[in-house]
Protein backbone atom coordinates (compact mmCIF):
# COMPACT_ATOMS: atom_id res chain seq x y z
CA MET A 1 3.96 -1.00 -26.17
CA ALA A 2 5.60 2.30 -25.29
CA ALA A 3 3.85 5.51 -26.26
CA PRO A 4 5.87 8.55 -27.39
CA SER A 5 6.83 11.13 -24.80
CA SER A 6 4.21 13.86 -24.54
CA VAL A 7 5.61 16.18 -21.84
CA SER A 8 9.04 17.77 -21.72
CA VAL A 9 10.97 19.34 -18.85
CA ALA A 10 10.78 22.71 -20.59
CA ALA A 11 7.01 22.54 -21.00
CA ALA A 12 6.07 21.06 -17.61
CA GLY A 13 6.92 24.12 -15.55
CA GLU A 14 4.54 26.28 -17.58
CA LEU A 15 1.61 23.86 -17.79
CA THR A 16 -1.62 24.81 -16.06
CA VAL A 17 -4.34 22.48 -14.80
CA PRO A 18 -6.56 23.16 -17.88
CA ASP A 19 -3.52 22.53 -20.15
CA VAL A 20 -2.88 19.12 -18.61
CA ARG A 21 -6.56 18.20 -18.62
CA GLU A 22 -6.86 18.99 -22.33
CA ARG A 23 -3.52 17.50 -23.42
CA PHE A 24 -3.80 14.34 -21.33
CA GLY A 25 -7.38 13.76 -22.49
CA ARG A 26 -6.20 14.05 -26.08
CA TRP A 27 -3.30 11.67 -25.39
CA LEU A 28 -5.67 9.09 -23.89
CA ALA A 29 -7.86 9.27 -27.00
CA GLU A 30 -4.88 8.99 -29.37
CA HIS A 31 -3.51 5.94 -27.54
CA ALA A 32 -6.82 4.20 -26.86
CA ASP A 33 -5.73 1.04 -28.68
CA THR A 34 -2.52 0.78 -26.66
CA LEU A 35 -4.36 1.45 -23.41
CA ALA A 36 -7.34 -0.84 -24.09
CA PRO A 37 -5.85 -3.87 -22.22
CA PHE A 38 -5.87 -1.84 -19.01
CA THR A 39 -9.63 -1.26 -18.89
CA GLU A 40 -10.24 -4.85 -17.69
CA LEU A 41 -7.91 -6.17 -15.02
CA PRO A 42 -7.18 -9.74 -13.89
CA THR A 43 -9.18 -10.98 -10.92
CA ASP A 44 -6.17 -11.86 -8.72
CA VAL A 45 -4.09 -9.25 -6.89
CA GLU A 46 -0.79 -10.50 -8.32
CA GLY A 47 -2.12 -10.19 -11.85
CA VAL A 48 -3.52 -6.74 -11.10
CA PHE A 49 -0.12 -5.58 -9.84
CA ALA A 50 1.69 -6.88 -12.91
CA THR A 51 -0.79 -5.23 -15.27
CA LEU A 52 -0.83 -1.89 -13.50
CA SER A 53 2.97 -1.81 -13.31
CA ARG A 54 3.00 -1.88 -17.10
CA LEU A 55 0.47 0.94 -17.18
CA GLN A 56 2.60 2.99 -14.81
CA ARG A 57 5.71 2.54 -16.94
CA LEU A 58 3.75 3.63 -20.01
CA LEU A 59 2.54 6.78 -18.23
CA TYR A 60 6.06 7.47 -16.96
CA GLU A 61 7.64 7.17 -20.39
CA ALA A 62 5.05 9.59 -21.77
CA GLY A 63 5.90 12.01 -18.96
CA TRP A 64 2.47 12.26 -17.35
CA ILE A 65 3.22 10.85 -13.90
CA ARG A 66 6.47 12.78 -13.72
CA LEU A 67 4.53 16.03 -13.50
CA GLY A 68 4.71 17.84 -10.16
CA TRP A 69 7.93 16.14 -9.06
CA PRO A 70 11.32 17.91 -8.94
CA GLU A 71 13.70 17.16 -11.80
CA GLU A 72 16.41 15.92 -9.40
CA LEU A 73 13.97 13.23 -8.22
CA GLY A 74 13.04 11.98 -11.67
CA GLY A 75 10.22 14.44 -12.26
CA LEU A 76 9.49 17.18 -14.76
CA GLY A 77 8.63 20.01 -12.38
CA GLY A 78 5.32 21.83 -12.09
CA THR A 79 2.79 21.79 -9.25
CA VAL A 80 1.28 18.93 -7.26
CA ALA A 81 -2.14 19.79 -8.71
CA LEU A 82 -0.99 18.60 -12.15
CA ARG A 83 -0.60 15.07 -10.79
CA GLY A 84 -4.12 15.19 -9.41
CA VAL A 85 -5.48 16.04 -12.86
CA VAL A 86 -3.76 13.03 -14.44
CA SER A 87 -5.26 10.58 -11.93
CA GLU A 88 -8.70 12.20 -12.26
CA GLU A 89 -8.71 11.99 -16.05
CA LEU A 90 -7.58 8.36 -15.91
CA ALA A 91 -10.54 7.50 -13.68
CA ALA A 92 -13.00 9.51 -15.78
CA ALA A 93 -11.91 7.60 -18.89
CA GLY A 94 -12.47 4.25 -17.16
CA TYR A 95 -8.85 3.33 -16.44
CA PRO A 96 -7.94 2.24 -12.91
CA PRO A 97 -5.02 4.26 -11.53
CA PRO A 98 -1.96 2.11 -10.80
CA PHE A 99 -1.78 0.88 -7.22
CA SER A 100 1.53 2.66 -6.85
CA PHE A 101 -0.19 6.00 -7.48
CA GLY A 102 -1.31 5.69 -3.88
CA THR A 103 2.23 4.96 -2.74
CA GLN A 104 3.58 7.81 -4.83
CA GLU A 105 1.17 10.33 -3.39
CA VAL A 106 1.17 9.05 0.20
CA LEU A 107 4.81 8.09 0.79
CA GLY A 108 6.69 9.72 -2.09
CA PRO A 109 6.27 13.32 -0.89
CA ALA A 110 7.44 12.36 2.61
CA VAL A 111 10.61 10.74 1.27
CA ALA A 112 11.16 13.78 -0.95
CA ARG A 113 10.77 16.17 2.01
CA PHE A 114 12.32 14.31 4.95
CA ALA A 115 14.79 11.71 3.63
CA PRO A 116 18.49 12.47 3.07
CA PRO A 117 18.92 13.87 -0.47
CA GLU A 118 21.06 10.96 -1.63
CA LEU A 119 18.36 8.51 -0.51
CA SER A 120 15.42 10.35 -2.09
CA SER A 121 17.27 10.93 -5.37
CA GLN A 122 18.05 7.21 -5.56
CA ALA A 123 14.68 5.80 -4.47
CA LEU A 124 12.01 8.08 -5.92
CA PRO A 125 12.88 7.70 -9.63
CA ARG A 126 12.53 3.92 -9.27
CA LEU A 127 9.12 4.38 -7.65
CA LEU A 128 7.93 6.74 -10.39
CA ARG A 129 9.10 4.39 -13.13
CA GLY A 130 7.19 1.51 -11.57
CA GLU A 131 10.38 -0.48 -10.99
CA GLU A 132 9.54 -1.00 -7.32
CA THR A 133 6.67 -0.59 -4.89
CA TRP A 134 6.61 0.61 -1.29
CA CYS A 135 4.43 -0.10 1.71
CA GLN A 136 3.50 1.84 4.84
CA GLY A 137 4.40 0.28 8.21
CA PHE A 138 2.22 2.24 10.64
CA SER A 139 -0.51 0.19 12.35
CA GLU A 140 0.25 -2.38 15.04
CA PRO A 141 -1.86 -4.75 17.11
CA GLY A 142 -3.24 -2.40 19.74
CA ALA A 143 -1.93 0.70 17.93
CA GLY A 144 -3.98 1.31 14.82
CA SER A 145 -5.32 4.85 14.63
CA ASP A 146 -3.54 5.64 17.92
CA LEU A 147 -0.01 5.89 16.55
CA GLY A 148 1.23 7.49 19.75
CA SER A 149 1.02 4.08 21.46
CA LEU A 150 3.03 2.08 18.92
CA ARG A 151 5.56 -0.36 20.37
CA MET A 152 7.86 -1.49 17.54
CA ARG A 153 11.30 -0.83 18.97
CA ALA A 154 14.38 0.55 17.17
CA VAL A 155 17.55 0.46 19.29
CA ASP A 156 20.56 2.64 18.40
CA GLU A 157 23.59 0.42 17.78
CA GLY A 158 26.04 2.92 16.34
CA ASP A 159 25.91 2.85 12.55
CA HIS A 160 22.54 1.08 12.43
CA TRP A 161 19.21 0.57 14.18
CA ARG A 162 18.15 -2.85 15.46
CA VAL A 163 14.38 -3.20 14.97
CA ASN A 164 12.00 -5.62 16.67
CA GLY A 165 8.23 -5.75 16.65
CA GLU A 166 5.11 -6.31 14.56
CA LYS A 167 3.03 -4.31 12.10
CA VAL A 168 -0.41 -5.23 10.79
CA TRP A 169 -2.84 -4.18 8.03
CA THR A 170 0.12 -3.29 5.82
CA SER A 171 -1.36 -3.05 2.34
CA TRP A 172 0.27 -5.19 -0.37
CA ALA A 173 3.45 -5.67 1.63
CA GLN A 174 4.05 -9.00 -0.10
CA TYR A 175 4.85 -7.06 -3.29
CA ALA A 176 6.79 -4.20 -1.68
CA ASP A 177 10.49 -3.52 -2.13
CA ARG A 178 10.67 -0.88 0.63
CA CYS A 179 8.72 0.03 3.75
CA LEU A 180 8.40 3.43 5.38
CA LEU A 181 8.33 2.27 8.98
CA LEU A 182 7.41 4.03 12.22
CA THR A 183 9.41 2.82 15.22
CA ARG A 184 9.70 3.64 18.91
CA THR A 185 13.16 5.09 19.68
CA GLY A 186 12.14 6.90 22.87
CA THR A 187 10.80 5.52 26.13
CA PRO A 188 7.45 3.72 26.16
CA GLU A 189 6.00 6.82 27.84
CA SER A 190 7.32 9.22 25.19
CA ALA A 191 4.19 8.75 23.04
CA HIS A 192 4.37 10.74 19.80
CA ARG A 193 7.64 12.44 20.85
CA GLY A 194 9.63 9.18 20.77
CA ILE A 195 8.87 7.97 17.24
CA THR A 196 11.41 7.72 14.41
CA ALA A 197 10.68 6.92 10.76
CA LEU A 198 12.91 4.48 8.84
CA PHE A 199 13.07 3.53 5.16
CA VAL A 200 13.63 -0.23 5.16
CA ASP A 201 14.52 -2.65 2.37
CA MET A 202 11.98 -5.47 2.54
CA ASP A 203 14.57 -8.13 1.67
CA THR A 204 16.55 -7.34 4.84
CA PRO A 205 17.17 -10.49 6.94
CA GLY A 206 14.76 -10.83 9.85
CA ILE A 207 11.62 -9.54 8.11
CA THR A 208 8.72 -11.99 7.78
CA VAL A 209 5.66 -11.10 5.68
CA ARG A 210 2.39 -12.96 6.32
CA PRO A 211 -0.49 -12.08 3.95
CA LEU A 212 -3.95 -11.67 5.46
CA VAL A 213 -6.94 -12.70 3.36
CA ALA A 214 -9.73 -10.11 3.47
CA MET A 215 -13.42 -10.88 3.01
CA THR A 216 -12.97 -10.06 -0.68
CA GLY A 217 -11.02 -13.33 -0.87
CA GLU A 218 -7.77 -11.53 -1.73
CA ALA A 219 -4.68 -10.99 0.41
CA ASP A 220 -4.82 -7.19 0.34
CA PHE A 221 -3.08 -6.79 3.70
CA CYS A 222 -0.20 -8.34 5.60
CA SER A 223 1.29 -8.73 9.03
CA LEU A 224 4.98 -7.85 9.22
CA PHE A 225 7.33 -9.31 11.82
CA PHE A 226 10.75 -7.76 12.51
CA ASP A 227 13.26 -9.92 14.37
CA ASP A 228 16.59 -8.13 15.04
CA VAL A 229 16.42 -6.33 11.69
CA ARG A 230 19.44 -4.10 11.01
CA VAL A 231 18.57 -0.79 9.35
CA PRO A 232 21.46 1.55 8.41
CA LYS A 233 21.37 4.97 10.07
CA ASP A 234 21.36 6.67 6.65
CA ARG A 235 17.88 5.20 6.14
CA THR A 236 16.47 7.44 8.86
CA VAL A 237 13.71 9.65 7.44
CA GLY A 238 13.53 12.99 9.22
CA GLU A 239 14.98 13.64 12.65
CA VAL A 240 15.51 10.99 15.31
CA GLY A 241 12.43 11.34 17.49
CA GLY A 242 10.76 13.38 14.73
CA GLY A 243 8.74 10.57 13.22
CA TRP A 244 5.45 12.11 14.33
CA ALA A 245 5.97 15.02 11.93
CA VAL A 246 6.70 12.55 9.12
CA ALA A 247 3.58 10.54 9.98
CA MET A 248 1.32 13.61 10.08
CA PHE A 249 2.67 14.79 6.73
CA ILE A 250 2.03 11.34 5.24
CA LEU A 251 -1.53 11.33 6.56
CA SER A 252 -2.14 14.77 5.06
CA CYS A 253 -0.92 13.43 1.71
CA GLU A 254 -3.11 10.36 2.09
CA ARG A 255 -6.09 12.66 2.43
CA GLY A 256 -4.85 15.03 -0.29
CA VAL A 257 -3.97 13.77 -3.76
CA ALA A 258 -4.83 10.19 -2.77
CA ALA A 259 -8.32 11.28 -1.62
CA TRP A 260 -8.66 13.24 -4.85
CA GLN A 261 -7.94 10.02 -6.76
CA ARG A 262 -10.51 8.16 -4.70
CA GLN A 263 -13.28 10.69 -5.31
CA ALA A 264 -12.51 10.68 -9.04
CA TRP A 265 -12.87 6.91 -9.05
CA MET A 266 -16.13 7.13 -7.06
CA ARG A 267 -17.55 9.63 -9.55
CA TRP A 268 -16.80 7.20 -12.36
CA ARG A 269 -18.26 4.31 -10.34
CA LEU A 270 -21.45 6.29 -9.73
CA GLY A 271 -21.79 6.74 -13.49
CA THR A 272 -21.46 3.00 -14.06
CA LEU A 273 -24.00 2.36 -11.30
CA VAL A 274 -26.58 4.58 -13.00
CA ALA A 275 -25.91 2.73 -16.27
CA ASP A 276 -25.93 -0.78 -14.77
CA ALA A 277 -28.87 -0.43 -12.38
CA PRO A 278 -32.10 0.86 -13.99
CA GLY A 279 -33.83 0.26 -10.66
CA LEU A 280 -31.67 2.78 -8.82
CA SER A 281 -33.99 5.37 -7.27
CA ASP A 282 -33.55 9.03 -8.06
CA SER A 283 -33.23 9.86 -4.37
CA ARG A 284 -30.44 7.30 -3.87
CA ALA A 285 -28.59 8.46 -6.97
CA GLY A 286 -29.02 12.09 -5.98
CA GLU A 287 -27.72 11.66 -2.45
CA ALA A 288 -24.77 9.60 -3.69
CA PHE A 289 -23.97 12.40 -6.13
CA GLU A 290 -24.20 15.00 -3.36
CA LEU A 291 -21.81 13.08 -1.10
CA VAL A 292 -19.27 12.35 -3.83
CA HIS A 293 -19.39 15.92 -5.13
CA ALA A 294 -19.01 17.32 -1.60
CA LEU A 295 -15.95 15.12 -1.20
CA ARG A 296 -14.65 16.46 -4.50
CA LEU A 297 -14.92 20.04 -3.23
CA LEU A 298 -13.22 19.24 0.07
CA SER A 299 -10.39 17.24 -1.50
CA ARG A 300 -9.96 19.95 -4.15
CA ARG A 301 -9.32 22.45 -1.35
CA THR A 302 -6.80 20.10 0.27
CA LEU A 303 -5.08 19.38 -3.04
CA ARG A 304 -4.71 23.09 -3.77
CA SER A 305 -3.31 23.75 -0.29
CA LEU A 306 -0.77 20.95 -0.73
CA SER A 307 0.13 22.30 -4.15
CA ASP A 308 0.68 25.78 -2.68
CA GLY A 309 2.69 24.46 0.27
CA GLU A 310 0.15 25.63 2.84
CA PRO A 311 -0.25 23.95 6.25
CA LEU A 312 -3.36 21.77 6.38
CA GLY A 313 -4.00 21.50 10.10
CA VAL A 314 -6.94 19.21 10.87
CA ARG A 315 -8.83 19.89 7.63
CA PRO A 316 -7.93 16.50 6.09
CA SER A 317 -9.94 14.82 8.86
CA PHE A 318 -13.07 16.19 7.19
CA ASP A 319 -11.89 14.73 3.86
CA LYS A 320 -11.29 11.29 5.36
CA LEU A 321 -14.61 11.22 7.21
CA LEU A 322 -16.59 12.27 4.15
CA MET A 323 -14.63 9.88 1.92
CA SER A 324 -15.70 6.85 3.96
CA THR A 325 -19.28 8.14 4.26
CA ALA A 326 -19.58 8.64 0.48
CA GLU A 327 -17.98 5.32 -0.38
CA LYS A 328 -20.19 3.28 1.94
CA TYR A 329 -23.32 5.08 0.77
CA LEU A 330 -22.45 4.57 -2.89
CA PHE A 331 -22.05 0.82 -2.56
CA ASP A 332 -25.01 0.46 -0.22
CA ALA A 333 -27.00 2.03 -3.06
CA ALA A 334 -25.50 -0.51 -5.48
CA LEU A 335 -26.51 -3.42 -3.25
CA GLU A 336 -30.04 -2.05 -2.87
CA ALA A 337 -30.46 -1.41 -6.62
CA MET A 338 -29.12 -4.73 -7.94
CA PRO A 339 -28.89 -7.29 -5.12
CA GLY A 340 -29.04 -10.31 -7.43
CA THR A 341 -26.12 -9.09 -9.52
CA LEU A 342 -23.98 -8.07 -6.58
CA LEU A 343 -24.65 -11.11 -4.41
CA PHE A 344 -24.93 -13.94 -6.94
CA GLY A 345 -23.55 -12.74 -10.30
CA ASP A 346 -20.59 -14.64 -11.78
CA ASP A 347 -19.53 -12.41 -14.66
CA GLY A 348 -16.76 -9.82 -14.51
CA PRO A 349 -18.93 -6.75 -13.74
CA ALA A 350 -20.77 -8.61 -10.96
CA ARG A 351 -17.49 -9.68 -9.37
CA ASP A 352 -16.23 -6.09 -9.57
CA TRP A 353 -19.37 -4.74 -7.88
CA ARG A 354 -19.17 -7.38 -5.16
CA ASN A 355 -15.49 -6.73 -4.52
CA ASP A 356 -16.00 -2.96 -4.40
CA TYR A 357 -18.91 -3.33 -1.99
CA LEU A 358 -16.92 -5.57 0.36
CA TYR A 359 -13.87 -3.32 0.21
CA SER A 360 -16.01 -0.26 0.99
CA ARG A 361 -16.79 -1.74 4.42
CA ALA A 362 -13.21 -0.97 5.45
CA SER A 363 -13.30 2.65 4.27
CA SER A 364 -14.24 3.94 7.71
CA ILE A 365 -11.21 2.17 9.23
CA TYR A 366 -8.22 2.42 6.89
CA GLY A 367 -6.31 5.70 6.80
CA GLY A 368 -7.71 6.77 10.18
CA ALA A 369 -10.88 5.40 11.78
CA ALA A 370 -14.04 7.49 11.50
CA GLU A 371 -14.31 7.68 15.30
CA ILE A 372 -10.81 9.16 15.51
CA GLN A 373 -11.60 11.73 12.81
CA ARG A 374 -14.75 12.78 14.69
CA ASN A 375 -12.73 13.20 17.88
CA ILE A 376 -10.15 15.35 16.08
CA ILE A 377 -12.86 17.55 14.60
CA ALA A 378 -14.69 17.79 17.94
CA GLU A 379 -11.58 18.76 19.91
CA HIS A 380 -9.65 20.93 17.44
CA VAL A 381 -12.47 22.56 15.43
CA LEU A 382 -15.49 22.62 17.73
CA GLY A 383 -13.49 23.03 20.93
CA LEU A 384 -15.32 20.27 22.77
CA PRO A 385 -13.68 18.74 25.86
CA ARG A 386 -11.82 15.44 25.61
CA GLU A 387 -13.96 13.93 28.36
């Protein structure tokens, strides 16, 4: 099933965004028969993961998802923006991006930047090849968007950390091989100054994973329980007590290339809505287009800043807030335009619409709650008082 390599190390460093857009689009057309099985996915999460892992390996072998990563980490060089083009063109052609694209773009850059070189050079190539998946251990009961109040404890025991505590809303942790974990290594009062990031093997003794079934009917999230889990000191990501910087960088990535992927998918979904729902009003379609296109412009700015190595500040909060607004509006429009299909349909497209609508309800919570983003914008951009 492998497709021939299409990008070389020599060529990658000189490729521009238009080059990749044109060459990748041509590659998708030339390999349409090979890629056809990926346009319709299984209905269960386990089947989706297995299918998209095969797609990722295919894209890796052809070189496309190695763009924008350093050669020493399994990449081909070039800028971060090249990776954004690949995910956008996949969505525009009707292919779902592999789940691990999100992991790659959210956690991969943090491991590349903050982890010890021997760890990043060992772990990242396996992630890019689709040989393993990672999860993000941030939220806790009582410490979701407020990461400064997290309580999972990591105690220094010489050559290792001993970790105890609970994480929740950890996406697809039941399939993950590693977890980038935020822990409290300072005093309970140290807030964001006492956090340390660890890169943990999920098969370490003492870790219990309990899937949580969402209203979609699938176990998209998990609770994680850590009971005297030993994590070697060489799995520390960044400085001890410097986990806040790692977390903020991860969140900027989550609202950078990952948000770019999401808007590309929403643009494609809006096109299918117009095709599937003749009763969709012009005003609804127009406002959905405005919101999605505004998100595209904001996330394009963020993607370019990330690609150029510029500090982002609080700008990604605008991206996240608009992303949830656009996604909810889009699927509210779908429900209004074809309620019978979305609520009662039994065929594949109806199930997809229903699942996407239900999942969109969480868009104002995951990745930073909308209320938190508004507070950040109010305090740091508008200069409004905290109280």
